[in-house]
């Protein structure tokens, strides 16, 4: 077995999955990827905006091996969403469609990235699968190529019209790193720079306990609104983030609220980066609060349970707190001073 890391639930969890009626032809190879939490900048990646995600310590581990027969097979130590196979098989299909000769394989998964919590469990799975399969067949891809392939797999095979943020952050994170700084990603240009977080800033992630599934329709509906807003402004959707608040105010009420969130959120991301670089944690916290209000009131993607977590965090002295991820449940990211 090729193994250069300590798996999330220990190597035995993945090996045990293979012992369940899977006959391996060759050595087992393991790939690994982090989850991610977005500090600020949600629902702007598909509109050409900038985002500020950071990798989380939680990881997904994937073991693969060539098997006898003509079909792939999957098994999992995953807790939660049984539809994970669509994401894993989609990555393999896209690798094959790209001309990479992947033999029939077995895939086993173990993960401590919460599913449906807005911490990018799907992107972590996709990138881990891609890394494992590429290692198995002796091929390599750049992090950018991995991100785009994983995004395509999610669009085509899982039916989720996601932006590039999750896959880009996960693909560029080193799962063995002791510390991760934030990534300021320009989604339109697909370029990023590292933003060091102040040593005095502590980031916490609190699970609301409410689970979501982006394929259920709410995410796609919001995305359709953003596309329609861009169309009415005679802009490509990738340029909606560059519109002015005056422009978006001319739209019908619901579309105006959606577009206003995109425009103001991009401004908040840039202001947040400036605040972090200046060490102004109070201003950074204020921007998180403003972001949550926009996602709640203009984008309608928060929930009462998530709002309560935000309120409770602020009552306990947080600098700022906001929902993170696609919405409709999931987690809250909290900024505290150390």
C-alpha atoms as a PDB file:
ATOM      1  CA  UNK A   1       0.000   0.000   0.000  1.00  0.00           C
ATOM      2  CA  UNK A   2       1.291   3.431  -0.906  1.00  0.00           C
ATOM      3  CA  UNK A   3       0.652   5.744   2.035  1.00  0.00           C
ATOM      4  CA  UNK A   4       2.258   9.070   2.911  1.00  0.00           C
ATOM      5  CA  UNK A   5      -0.184  10.343   5.523  1.00  0.00           C
ATOM      6  CA  UNK A   6      -2.174   9.377   8.569  1.00  0.00           C
ATOM      7  CA  UNK A   7      -5.729   8.673   7.291  1.00  0.00           C
ATOM      8  CA  UNK A   8      -8.697  10.268   8.981  1.00  0.00           C
ATOM      9  CA  UNK A   9     -10.153   7.127  10.522  1.00  0.00           C
ATOM     10  CA  UNK A  10      -6.929   5.177  10.332  1.00  0.00           C
ATOM     11  CA  UNK A  11      -5.731   3.004   7.519  1.00  0.00           C
ATOM     12  CA  UNK A  12      -7.726   0.055   8.835  1.00  0.00           C
ATOM     13  CA  UNK A  13     -11.052   1.718   7.984  1.00  0.00           C
ATOM     14  CA  UNK A  14     -10.192   1.908   4.307  1.00  0.00           C
ATOM     15  CA  UNK A  15      -8.594  -1.520   4.138  1.00  0.00           C
ATOM     16  CA  UNK A  16     -11.616  -3.026   5.884  1.00  0.00           C
ATOM     17  CA  UNK A  17     -13.849  -1.630   3.145  1.00  0.00           C
ATOM     18  CA  UNK A  18     -11.820  -3.488   0.542  1.00  0.00           C
ATOM     19  CA  UNK A  19     -12.094  -6.749   2.461  1.00  0.00           C
ATOM     20  CA  UNK A  20     -15.850  -6.644   1.887  1.00  0.00           C
ATOM     21  CA  UNK A  21     -15.988  -8.905  -1.209  1.00  0.00           C
ATOM     22  CA  UNK A  22     -13.591  -6.839  -3.297  1.00  0.00           C
ATOM     23  CA  UNK A  23     -10.800  -8.743  -5.021  1.00  0.00           C
ATOM     24  CA  UNK A  24      -7.930  -6.370  -5.730  1.00  0.00           C
ATOM     25  CA  UNK A  25      -5.611  -6.968  -8.639  1.00  0.00           C
ATOM     26  CA  UNK A  26      -2.947  -4.480  -7.633  1.00  0.00           C
ATOM     27  CA  UNK A  27      -1.766  -2.409  -4.692  1.00  0.00           C
ATOM     28  CA  UNK A  28      -4.133  -0.050  -2.921  1.00  0.00           C
ATOM     29  CA  UNK A  29      -3.407   3.660  -3.370  1.00  0.00           C
ATOM     30  CA  UNK A  30      -4.736   6.384  -1.090  1.00  0.00           C
ATOM     31  CA  UNK A  31      -5.571  10.002  -1.896  1.00  0.00           C
ATOM     32  CA  UNK A  32      -6.586  12.672   0.582  1.00  0.00           C
ATOM     33  CA  UNK A  33      -8.135  16.147   0.563  1.00  0.00           C
ATOM     34  CA  UNK A  34      -9.227  18.761   3.084  1.00  0.00           C
ATOM     35  CA  UNK A  35     -12.625  20.284   3.542  1.00  0.00           C
ATOM     36  CA  UNK A  36     -12.912  24.047   3.338  1.00  0.00           C
ATOM     37  CA  UNK A  37     -14.731  26.863   5.059  1.00  0.00           C
ATOM     38  CA  UNK A  38     -15.415  30.142   3.302  1.00  0.00           C
ATOM     39  CA  UNK A  39     -14.583  33.090   5.534  1.00  0.00           C
ATOM     40  CA  UNK A  40     -16.533  35.505   3.349  1.00  0.00           C
ATOM     41  CA  UNK A  41     -17.804  35.638  -0.229  1.00  0.00           C
ATOM     42  CA  UNK A  42     -20.651  33.153  -0.703  1.00  0.00           C
ATOM     43  CA  UNK A  43     -22.799  32.934  -3.834  1.00  0.00           C
ATOM     44  CA  UNK A  44     -20.468  35.136  -5.854  1.00  0.00           C
ATOM     45  CA  UNK A  45     -18.085  32.584  -7.380  1.00  0.00           C
ATOM     46  CA  UNK A  46     -20.404  31.763 -10.276  1.00  0.00           C
ATOM     47  CA  UNK A  47     -20.935  35.502 -10.852  1.00  0.00           C
ATOM     48  CA  UNK A  48     -17.252  36.265 -11.373  1.00  0.00           C
ATOM     49  CA  UNK A  49     -16.597  37.520  -7.854  1.00  0.00           C
ATOM     50  CA  UNK A  50     -13.769  37.123  -5.377  1.00  0.00           C
ATOM     51  CA  UNK A  51     -13.955  34.774  -2.400  1.00  0.00           C
ATOM     52  CA  UNK A  52     -11.878  34.095   0.704  1.00  0.00           C
ATOM     53  CA  UNK A  53     -11.926  30.398   1.648  1.00  0.00           C
ATOM     54  CA  UNK A  54      -9.577  28.492   3.933  1.00  0.00           C
ATOM     55  CA  UNK A  55      -8.912  24.757   4.184  1.00  0.00           C
ATOM     56  CA  UNK A  56     -10.140  22.986   7.324  1.00  0.00           C
ATOM     57  CA  UNK A  57      -8.363  20.267   9.317  1.00  0.00           C
ATOM     58  CA  UNK A  58     -11.099  17.740   8.467  1.00  0.00           C
ATOM     59  CA  UNK A  59     -10.215  15.444   5.582  1.00  0.00           C
ATOM     60  CA  UNK A  60     -11.600  12.863   3.195  1.00  0.00           C
ATOM     61  CA  UNK A  61      -9.490   9.808   2.442  1.00  0.00           C
ATOM     62  CA  UNK A  62     -10.036   7.648  -0.638  1.00  0.00           C
ATOM     63  CA  UNK A  63      -8.470   4.267  -1.366  1.00  0.00           C
ATOM     64  CA  UNK A  64      -8.513   2.861  -4.891  1.00  0.00           C
ATOM     65  CA  UNK A  65      -7.234  -0.312  -6.509  1.00  0.00           C
ATOM     66  CA  UNK A  66      -7.578  -2.033  -9.846  1.00  0.00           C
ATOM     67  CA  UNK A  67     -10.009  -4.966  -9.722  1.00  0.00           C
ATOM     68  CA  UNK A  68     -10.865  -7.988 -11.812  1.00  0.00           C
ATOM     69  CA  UNK A  69     -13.890  -7.646 -14.033  1.00  0.00           C
ATOM     70  CA  UNK A  70     -15.230  -4.783 -16.127  1.00  0.00           C
ATOM     71  CA  UNK A  71     -17.079  -2.591 -13.633  1.00  0.00           C
ATOM     72  CA  UNK A  72     -16.076  -0.105 -10.964  1.00  0.00           C
ATOM     73  CA  UNK A  73     -17.330  -0.713  -7.425  1.00  0.00           C
ATOM     74  CA  UNK A  74     -17.692   1.602  -4.454  1.00  0.00           C
ATOM     75  CA  UNK A  75     -17.914   1.196  -0.705  1.00  0.00           C
ATOM     76  CA  UNK A  76     -17.777   3.733   2.070  1.00  0.00           C
ATOM     77  CA  UNK A  77     -17.146   4.551   5.681  1.00  0.00           C
ATOM     78  CA  UNK A  78     -18.992   7.816   4.931  1.00  0.00           C
ATOM     79  CA  UNK A  79     -21.560   8.907   7.470  1.00  0.00           C
ATOM     80  CA  UNK A  80     -24.464  10.649   5.763  1.00  0.00           C
ATOM     81  CA  UNK A  81     -25.346  11.207   2.117  1.00  0.00           C
ATOM     82  CA  UNK A  82     -25.591   7.917   0.176  1.00  0.00           C
ATOM     83  CA  UNK A  83     -25.381   9.803  -3.125  1.00  0.00           C
ATOM     84  CA  UNK A  84     -21.599  10.199  -2.713  1.00  0.00           C
ATOM     85  CA  UNK A  85     -21.079   7.572  -5.425  1.00  0.00           C
ATOM     86  CA  UNK A  86     -22.269  10.006  -8.102  1.00  0.00           C
ATOM     87  CA  UNK A  87     -19.463  12.385  -7.211  1.00  0.00           C
ATOM     88  CA  UNK A  88     -16.804   9.676  -7.073  1.00  0.00           C
ATOM     89  CA  UNK A  89     -17.905   7.931 -10.256  1.00  0.00           C
ATOM     90  CA  UNK A  90     -18.222  11.296 -11.985  1.00  0.00           C
ATOM     91  CA  UNK A  91     -14.570  12.087 -11.343  1.00  0.00           C
ATOM     92  CA  UNK A  92     -13.508   8.718 -12.742  1.00  0.00           C
ATOM     93  CA  UNK A  93     -15.726   9.228 -15.801  1.00  0.00           C
ATOM     94  CA  UNK A  94     -14.217  12.656 -16.446  1.00  0.00           C
ATOM     95  CA  UNK A  95     -10.678  11.304 -16.129  1.00  0.00           C
ATOM     96  CA  UNK A  96     -11.494   8.635 -18.696  1.00  0.00           C
ATOM     97  CA  UNK A  97     -13.218  11.159 -20.953  1.00  0.00           C
ATOM     98  CA  UNK A  98     -10.018  13.208 -20.820  1.00  0.00           C
ATOM     99  CA  UNK A  99      -8.013  10.355 -22.298  1.00  0.00           C
ATOM    100  CA  UNK A 100      -6.589   8.868 -19.087  1.00  0.00           C
ATOM    101  CA  UNK A 101      -6.649   5.076 -19.162  1.00  0.00           C
ATOM    102  CA  UNK A 102      -8.263   4.163 -15.851  1.00  0.00           C
ATOM    103  CA  UNK A 103      -8.864   0.413 -15.419  1.00  0.00           C
ATOM    104  CA  UNK A 104     -11.897  -0.948 -13.571  1.00  0.00           C
ATOM    105  CA  UNK A 105     -11.353   0.085  -9.959  1.00  0.00           C
ATOM    106  CA  UNK A 106     -12.690  -0.270  -6.453  1.00  0.00           C
ATOM    107  CA  UNK A 107     -13.174   2.942  -4.482  1.00  0.00           C
ATOM    108  CA  UNK A 108     -13.423   3.107  -0.699  1.00  0.00           C
ATOM    109  CA  UNK A 109     -14.023   6.311   1.242  1.00  0.00           C
ATOM    110  CA  UNK A 110     -13.593   7.449   4.836  1.00  0.00           C
ATOM    111  CA  UNK A 111     -14.219  11.043   5.880  1.00  0.00           C
ATOM    112  CA  UNK A 112     -14.661  13.346   8.831  1.00  0.00           C
ATOM    113  CA  UNK A 113     -15.791  16.284   6.678  1.00  0.00           C
ATOM    114  CA  UNK A 114     -19.454  16.764   7.681  1.00  0.00           C
ATOM    115  CA  UNK A 115     -21.849  16.143   4.796  1.00  0.00           C
ATOM    116  CA  UNK A 116     -24.333  18.919   4.054  1.00  0.00           C
ATOM    117  CA  UNK A 117     -22.703  21.329   6.490  1.00  0.00           C
ATOM    118  CA  UNK A 118     -21.322  23.815   3.957  1.00  0.00           C
ATOM    119  CA  UNK A 119     -17.738  22.605   4.437  1.00  0.00           C
ATOM    120  CA  UNK A 120     -17.226  21.273   0.917  1.00  0.00           C
ATOM    121  CA  UNK A 121     -17.583  17.552   1.528  1.00  0.00           C
ATOM    122  CA  UNK A 122     -18.293  16.977  -2.170  1.00  0.00           C
ATOM    123  CA  UNK A 123     -15.193  18.831  -3.394  1.00  0.00           C
ATOM    124  CA  UNK A 124     -13.029  17.036  -0.824  1.00  0.00           C
ATOM    125  CA  UNK A 125     -14.360  13.716  -2.114  1.00  0.00           C
ATOM    126  CA  UNK A 126     -13.828  14.686  -5.745  1.00  0.00           C
ATOM    127  CA  UNK A 127     -10.257  15.875  -5.267  1.00  0.00           C
ATOM    128  CA  UNK A 128      -9.335  12.882  -3.085  1.00  0.00           C
ATOM    129  CA  UNK A 129     -10.709  10.481  -5.706  1.00  0.00           C
ATOM    130  CA  UNK A 130      -8.830  12.250  -8.488  1.00  0.00           C
ATOM    131  CA  UNK A 131      -5.559  12.233  -6.536  1.00  0.00           C
ATOM    132  CA  UNK A 132      -5.859   8.539  -5.731  1.00  0.00           C
ATOM    133  CA  UNK A 133      -6.761   7.495  -9.275  1.00  0.00           C
ATOM    134  CA  UNK A 134      -4.028   9.609 -10.844  1.00  0.00           C
ATOM    135  CA  UNK A 135      -1.470   8.072  -8.507  1.00  0.00           C
ATOM    136  CA  UNK A 136      -2.766   4.606  -9.354  1.00  0.00           C
ATOM    137  CA  UNK A 137      -2.249   5.122 -13.099  1.00  0.00           C
ATOM    138  CA  UNK A 138       0.970   7.128 -12.808  1.00  0.00           C
ATOM    139  CA  UNK A 139      -0.411  10.421 -14.080  1.00  0.00           C
ATOM    140  CA  UNK A 140      -0.459  13.922 -12.634  1.00  0.00           C
ATOM    141  CA  UNK A 141      -2.500  17.114 -12.936  1.00  0.00           C
ATOM    142  CA  UNK A 142      -1.889  20.622 -11.684  1.00  0.00           C
ATOM    143  CA  UNK A 143      -4.127  21.843  -8.845  1.00  0.00           C
ATOM    144  CA  UNK A 144      -5.963  24.092 -11.312  1.00  0.00           C
ATOM    145  CA  UNK A 145      -6.599  21.176 -13.666  1.00  0.00           C
ATOM    146  CA  UNK A 146      -7.830  19.073 -10.757  1.00  0.00           C
ATOM    147  CA  UNK A 147     -10.213  21.819  -9.674  1.00  0.00           C
ATOM    148  CA  UNK A 148     -11.734  22.211 -13.130  1.00  0.00           C
ATOM    149  CA  UNK A 149     -12.121  18.463 -13.600  1.00  0.00           C
ATOM    150  CA  UNK A 150     -13.840  18.120 -10.221  1.00  0.00           C
ATOM    151  CA  UNK A 151     -16.163  21.025 -10.981  1.00  0.00           C
ATOM    152  CA  UNK A 152     -17.091  19.427 -14.298  1.00  0.00           C
ATOM    153  CA  UNK A 153     -17.806  16.111 -12.558  1.00  0.00           C
ATOM    154  CA  UNK A 154     -20.131  17.850 -10.106  1.00  0.00           C
ATOM    155  CA  UNK A 155     -21.976  19.685 -12.903  1.00  0.00           C
ATOM    156  CA  UNK A 156     -22.371  16.714 -15.238  1.00  0.00           C
ATOM    157  CA  UNK A 157     -22.676  13.715 -12.937  1.00  0.00           C
ATOM    158  CA  UNK A 158     -24.034  15.080  -9.640  1.00  0.00           C
ATOM    159  CA  UNK A 159     -26.313  17.742 -11.127  1.00  0.00           C
ATOM    160  CA  UNK A 160     -25.010  20.600  -8.966  1.00  0.00           C
ATOM    161  CA  UNK A 161     -24.205  23.804 -10.932  1.00  0.00           C
ATOM    162  CA  UNK A 162     -21.502  24.898  -8.478  1.00  0.00           C
ATOM    163  CA  UNK A 163     -18.921  27.613  -8.976  1.00  0.00           C
ATOM    164  CA  UNK A 164     -15.196  26.966  -8.829  1.00  0.00           C
ATOM    165  CA  UNK A 165     -14.485  28.089  -5.247  1.00  0.00           C
ATOM    166  CA  UNK A 166     -14.753  24.769  -3.414  1.00  0.00           C
ATOM    167  CA  UNK A 167     -12.753  22.683  -5.845  1.00  0.00           C
ATOM    168  CA  UNK A 168     -10.098  25.389  -6.269  1.00  0.00           C
ATOM    169  CA  UNK A 169      -9.511  25.802  -2.550  1.00  0.00           C
ATOM    170  CA  UNK A 170      -9.454  22.061  -1.866  1.00  0.00           C
ATOM    171  CA  UNK A 171      -7.173  21.286  -4.815  1.00  0.00           C
ATOM    172  CA  UNK A 172      -4.645  23.947  -3.803  1.00  0.00           C
ATOM    173  CA  UNK A 173      -4.546  22.960  -0.116  1.00  0.00           C
ATOM    174  CA  UNK A 174      -1.858  20.639   1.212  1.00  0.00           C
ATOM    175  CA  UNK A 175      -3.634  18.010   3.352  1.00  0.00           C
ATOM    176  CA  UNK A 176      -0.446  17.516   5.370  1.00  0.00           C
ATOM    177  CA  UNK A 177      -0.012  21.208   6.237  1.00  0.00           C
ATOM    178  CA  UNK A 178      -0.136  22.106   9.923  1.00  0.00           C
ATOM    179  CA  UNK A 179      -1.680  25.508   9.185  1.00  0.00           C
ATOM    180  CA  UNK A 180      -3.655  26.908   6.282  1.00  0.00           C
ATOM    181  CA  UNK A 181      -3.883  30.565   5.342  1.00  0.00           C
ATOM    182  CA  UNK A 182      -6.788  31.957   3.373  1.00  0.00           C
ATOM    183  CA  UNK A 183      -6.952  32.041  -0.414  1.00  0.00           C
ATOM    184  CA  UNK A 184      -8.199  35.166  -2.157  1.00  0.00           C
ATOM    185  CA  UNK A 185      -9.594  33.675  -5.345  1.00  0.00           C
ATOM    186  CA  UNK A 186     -10.668  35.709  -8.349  1.00  0.00           C
ATOM    187  CA  UNK A 187     -13.234  33.300  -9.772  1.00  0.00           C
ATOM    188  CA  UNK A 188     -13.550  35.040 -13.133  1.00  0.00           C
ATOM    189  CA  UNK A 189      -9.810  34.902 -13.836  1.00  0.00           C
ATOM    190  CA  UNK A 190      -9.193  31.694 -11.885  1.00  0.00           C
ATOM    191  CA  UNK A 191      -6.224  33.221 -10.141  1.00  0.00           C
ATOM    192  CA  UNK A 192      -5.498  33.367  -6.430  1.00  0.00           C
ATOM    193  CA  UNK A 193      -3.141  34.785  -3.863  1.00  0.00           C
ATOM    194  CA  UNK A 194      -2.473  33.699  -0.293  1.00  0.00           C
ATOM    195  CA  UNK A 195      -3.734  35.915   2.518  1.00  0.00           C
ATOM    196  CA  UNK A 196      -1.985  35.286   5.838  1.00  0.00           C
ATOM    197  CA  UNK A 197      -4.313  35.354   8.823  1.00  0.00           C
ATOM    198  CA  UNK A 198      -3.217  37.372  11.862  1.00  0.00           C
ATOM    199  CA  UNK A 199      -1.893  35.252  14.726  1.00  0.00           C
ATOM    200  CA  UNK A 200      -4.386  36.997  17.007  1.00  0.00           C
ATOM    201  CA  UNK A 201      -7.378  35.803  14.976  1.00  0.00           C
ATOM    202  CA  UNK A 202      -9.142  32.584  15.882  1.00  0.00           C
ATOM    203  CA  UNK A 203     -11.582  31.024  13.433  1.00  0.00           C
ATOM    204  CA  UNK A 204     -14.213  28.608  14.721  1.00  0.00           C
ATOM    205  CA  UNK A 205     -16.827  26.654  12.801  1.00  0.00           C
ATOM    206  CA  UNK A 206     -20.121  25.838  14.526  1.00  0.00           C
ATOM    207  CA  UNK A 207     -22.512  23.297  13.055  1.00  0.00           C
ATOM    208  CA  UNK A 208     -26.156  24.415  13.137  1.00  0.00           C
ATOM    209  CA  UNK A 209     -27.278  20.795  12.900  1.00  0.00           C
ATOM    210  CA  UNK A 210     -29.456  21.586   9.867  1.00  0.00           C
ATOM    211  CA  UNK A 211     -28.417  19.601   6.809  1.00  0.00           C
ATOM    212  CA  UNK A 212     -28.828  20.707   3.233  1.00  0.00           C
ATOM    213  CA  UNK A 213     -28.407  19.170  -0.199  1.00  0.00           C
ATOM    214  CA  UNK A 214     -27.495  21.652  -2.914  1.00  0.00           C
ATOM    215  CA  UNK A 215     -29.075  19.462  -5.585  1.00  0.00           C
ATOM    216  CA  UNK A 216     -32.472  19.885  -3.865  1.00  0.00           C
ATOM    217  CA  UNK A 217     -33.126  23.045  -5.856  1.00  0.00           C
ATOM    218  CA  UNK A 218     -32.628  26.089  -3.644  1.00  0.00           C
ATOM    219  CA  UNK A 219     -29.053  26.604  -4.758  1.00  0.00           C
ATOM    220  CA  UNK A 220     -29.952  26.197  -8.432  1.00  0.00           C
ATOM    221  CA  UNK A 221     -32.866  28.626  -8.054  1.00  0.00           C
ATOM    222  CA  UNK A 222     -30.592  31.311  -6.603  1.00  0.00           C
ATOM    223  CA  UNK A 223     -28.126  30.733  -9.387  1.00  0.00           C
ATOM    224  CA  UNK A 224     -30.897  31.113 -11.974  1.00  0.00           C
ATOM    225  CA  UNK A 225     -31.843  34.444 -10.407  1.00  0.00           C
ATOM    226  CA  UNK A 226     -28.247  35.626 -10.680  1.00  0.00           C
ATOM    227  CA  UNK A 227     -28.060  34.559 -14.327  1.00  0.00           C
ATOM    228  CA  UNK A 228     -31.338  36.313 -15.110  1.00  0.00           C
ATOM    229  CA  UNK A 229     -30.163  39.475 -13.366  1.00  0.00           C
ATOM    230  CA  UNK A 230     -26.998  39.491 -15.467  1.00  0.00           C
ATOM    231  CA  UNK A 231     -28.983  38.873 -18.628  1.00  0.00           C
ATOM    232  CA  UNK A 232     -31.333  41.772 -17.917  1.00  0.00           C
ATOM    233  CA  UNK A 233     -28.302  44.010 -17.402  1.00  0.00           C
ATOM    234  CA  UNK A 234     -26.862  42.764 -20.712  1.00  0.00           C
ATOM    235  CA  UNK A 235     -23.824  41.371 -18.937  1.00  0.00           C
ATOM    236  CA  UNK A 236     -22.216  37.932 -19.013  1.00  0.00           C
ATOM    237  CA  UNK A 237     -22.903  36.352 -15.624  1.00  0.00           C
ATOM    238  CA  UNK A 238     -19.155  36.236 -14.992  1.00  0.00           C
ATOM    239  CA  UNK A 239     -19.191  40.041 -14.961  1.00  0.00           C
ATOM    240  CA  UNK A 240     -22.195  40.620 -12.703  1.00  0.00           C
ATOM    241  CA  UNK A 241     -19.844  41.160  -9.777  1.00  0.00           C
ATOM    242  CA  UNK A 242     -18.518  44.240 -11.578  1.00  0.00           C
ATOM    243  CA  UNK A 243     -21.932  45.903 -11.780  1.00  0.00           C
ATOM    244  CA  UNK A 244     -22.735  48.946  -9.655  1.00  0.00           C
ATOM    245  CA  UNK A 245     -25.399  49.095  -6.956  1.00  0.00           C
ATOM    246  CA  UNK A 246     -27.154  51.725  -9.062  1.00  0.00           C
ATOM    247  CA  UNK A 247     -27.357  49.327 -12.000  1.00  0.00           C
ATOM    248  CA  UNK A 248     -28.780  46.450  -9.984  1.00  0.00           C
ATOM    249  CA  UNK A 249     -31.347  48.714  -8.332  1.00  0.00           C
ATOM    250  CA  UNK A 250     -33.081  48.988 -11.743  1.00  0.00           C
ATOM    251  CA  UNK A 251     -33.950  45.281 -11.735  1.00  0.00           C
ATOM    252  CA  UNK A 252     -37.248  43.721 -10.559  1.00  0.00           C
ATOM    253  CA  UNK A 253     -37.325  43.461  -6.767  1.00  0.00           C
ATOM    254  CA  UNK A 254     -36.194  39.857  -6.257  1.00  0.00           C
ATOM    255  CA  UNK A 255     -33.503  40.017  -8.930  1.00  0.00           C
ATOM    256  CA  UNK A 256     -32.321  43.335  -7.515  1.00  0.00           C
ATOM    257  CA  UNK A 257     -31.858  41.764  -4.090  1.00  0.00           C
ATOM    258  CA  UNK A 258     -29.935  38.818  -5.515  1.00  0.00           C
ATOM    259  CA  UNK A 259     -27.675  41.042  -7.606  1.00  0.00           C
ATOM    260  CA  UNK A 260     -27.221  43.514  -4.746  1.00  0.00           C
ATOM    261  CA  UNK A 261     -25.888  40.690  -2.605  1.00  0.00           C
ATOM    262  CA  UNK A 262     -23.358  39.732  -5.291  1.00  0.00           C
ATOM    263  CA  UNK A 263     -22.100  43.290  -5.771  1.00  0.00           C
ATOM    264  CA  UNK A 264     -21.921  44.181  -2.087  1.00  0.00           C
ATOM    265  CA  UNK A 265     -20.448  40.825  -1.080  1.00  0.00           C
ATOM    266  CA  UNK A 266     -17.551  41.248  -3.491  1.00  0.00           C
ATOM    267  CA  UNK A 267     -16.859  44.664  -1.961  1.00  0.00           C
ATOM    268  CA  UNK A 268     -16.969  43.072   1.499  1.00  0.00           C
ATOM    269  CA  UNK A 269     -14.458  40.393   0.509  1.00  0.00           C
ATOM    270  CA  UNK A 270     -11.983  43.010  -0.661  1.00  0.00           C
ATOM    271  CA  UNK A 271     -12.550  45.066   2.479  1.00  0.00           C
ATOM    272  CA  UNK A 272     -12.074  41.950   4.611  1.00  0.00           C
ATOM    273  CA  UNK A 273      -8.725  41.202   2.990  1.00  0.00           C
ATOM    274  CA  UNK A 274      -7.640  44.787   3.605  1.00  0.00           C
ATOM    275  CA  UNK A 275      -8.729  44.530   7.250  1.00  0.00           C
ATOM    276  CA  UNK A 276      -6.832  41.264   7.750  1.00  0.00           C
ATOM    277  CA  UNK A 277      -3.671  42.688   6.245  1.00  0.00           C
ATOM    278  CA  UNK A 278      -3.923  45.694   8.560  1.00  0.00           C
ATOM    279  CA  UNK A 279      -4.695  43.495  11.537  1.00  0.00           C
ATOM    280  CA  UNK A 280      -8.033  45.265  12.041  1.00  0.00           C
ATOM    281  CA  UNK A 281      -9.992  42.363  13.497  1.00  0.00           C
ATOM    282  CA  UNK A 282     -12.893  44.546  14.630  1.00  0.00           C
ATOM    283  CA  UNK A 283     -13.545  45.654  11.057  1.00  0.00           C
ATOM    284  CA  UNK A 284     -13.158  42.078   9.813  1.00  0.00           C
ATOM    285  CA  UNK A 285     -15.817  40.963  12.285  1.00  0.00           C
ATOM    286  CA  UNK A 286     -18.173  43.723  11.208  1.00  0.00           C
ATOM    287  CA  UNK A 287     -17.854  42.594   7.603  1.00  0.00           C
ATOM    288  CA  UNK A 288     -18.790  39.037   8.564  1.00  0.00           C
ATOM    289  CA  UNK A 289     -21.926  40.398  10.216  1.00  0.00           C
ATOM    290  CA  UNK A 290     -22.823  42.425   7.134  1.00  0.00           C
ATOM    291  CA  UNK A 291     -22.269  39.386   4.937  1.00  0.00           C
ATOM    292  CA  UNK A 292     -24.642  37.269   7.008  1.00  0.00           C
ATOM    293  CA  UNK A 293     -27.330  39.937   6.875  1.00  0.00           C
ATOM    294  CA  UNK A 294     -27.027  40.102   3.094  1.00  0.00           C
ATOM    295  CA  UNK A 295     -27.228  36.326   2.691  1.00  0.00           C
ATOM    296  CA  UNK A 296     -30.231  36.243   5.021  1.00  0.00           C
ATOM    297  CA  UNK A 297     -32.169  39.229   3.674  1.00  0.00           C
ATOM    298  CA  UNK A 298     -31.132  39.659   0.038  1.00  0.00           C
ATOM    299  CA  UNK A 299     -30.265  36.082  -0.917  1.00  0.00           C
ATOM    300  CA  UNK A 300     -32.724  34.250   1.348  1.00  0.00           C
ATOM    301  CA  UNK A 301     -30.421  31.312   2.065  1.00  0.00           C
ATOM    302  CA  UNK A 302     -30.153  31.387   5.852  1.00  0.00           C
ATOM    303  CA  UNK A 303     -32.457  29.558   8.272  1.00  0.00           C
ATOM    304  CA  UNK A 304     -33.789  30.391  11.755  1.00  0.00           C
ATOM    305  CA  UNK A 305     -31.459  27.780  13.258  1.00  0.00           C
ATOM    306  CA  UNK A 306     -28.416  29.293  11.553  1.00  0.00           C
ATOM    307  CA  UNK A 307     -29.484  32.811  12.559  1.00  0.00           C
ATOM    308  CA  UNK A 308     -29.694  31.682  16.183  1.00  0.00           C
ATOM    309  CA  UNK A 309     -26.163  30.267  16.061  1.00  0.00           C
ATOM    310  CA  UNK A 310     -24.927  33.614  14.724  1.00  0.00           C
ATOM    311  CA  UNK A 311     -26.772  35.529  17.449  1.00  0.00           C
ATOM    312  CA  UNK A 312     -25.470  33.239  20.179  1.00  0.00           C
ATOM    313  CA  UNK A 313     -21.879  33.580  18.940  1.00  0.00           C
ATOM    314  CA  UNK A 314     -22.143  37.356  19.030  1.00  0.00           C
ATOM    315  CA  UNK A 315     -23.680  37.266  22.497  1.00  0.00           C
ATOM    316  CA  UNK A 316     -20.645  35.293  23.683  1.00  0.00           C
ATOM    317  CA  UNK A 317     -18.274  37.999  22.489  1.00  0.00           C
ATOM    318  CA  UNK A 318     -17.372  37.014  18.933  1.00  0.00           C
ATOM    319  CA  UNK A 319     -15.972  39.681  16.629  1.00  0.00           C
ATOM    320  CA  UNK A 320     -18.282  38.479  13.877  1.00  0.00           C
ATOM    321  CA  UNK A 321     -20.201  35.434  12.677  1.00  0.00           C
ATOM    322  CA  UNK A 322     -21.928  34.433   9.480  1.00  0.00           C
ATOM    323  CA  UNK A 323     -23.434  31.477   7.697  1.00  0.00           C
ATOM    324  CA  UNK A 324     -21.017  29.824   5.322  1.00  0.00           C
ATOM    325  CA  UNK A 325     -21.513  27.718   2.224  1.00  0.00           C
ATOM    326  CA  UNK A 326     -24.489  27.390  -0.078  1.00  0.00           C
ATOM    327  CA  UNK A 327     -27.033  27.985   2.656  1.00  0.00           C
ATOM    328  CA  UNK A 328     -30.282  26.339   3.815  1.00  0.00           C
ATOM    329  CA  UNK A 329     -28.500  24.999   6.893  1.00  0.00           C
ATOM    330  CA  UNK A 330     -24.946  23.944   7.520  1.00  0.00           C
ATOM    331  CA  UNK A 331     -22.329  25.787   9.505  1.00  0.00           C
ATOM    332  CA  UNK A 332     -21.518  29.217  10.878  1.00  0.00           C
ATOM    333  CA  UNK A 333     -17.992  30.635  10.734  1.00  0.00           C
ATOM    334  CA  UNK A 334     -17.055  32.670  13.804  1.00  0.00           C
ATOM    335  CA  UNK A 335     -14.179  35.126  14.215  1.00  0.00           C
ATOM    336  CA  UNK A 336     -12.695  35.642  17.672  1.00  0.00           C
ATOM    337  CA  UNK A 337      -9.752  37.581  19.059  1.00  0.00           C
ATOM    338  CA  UNK A 338      -7.145  35.463  20.837  1.00  0.00           C
END
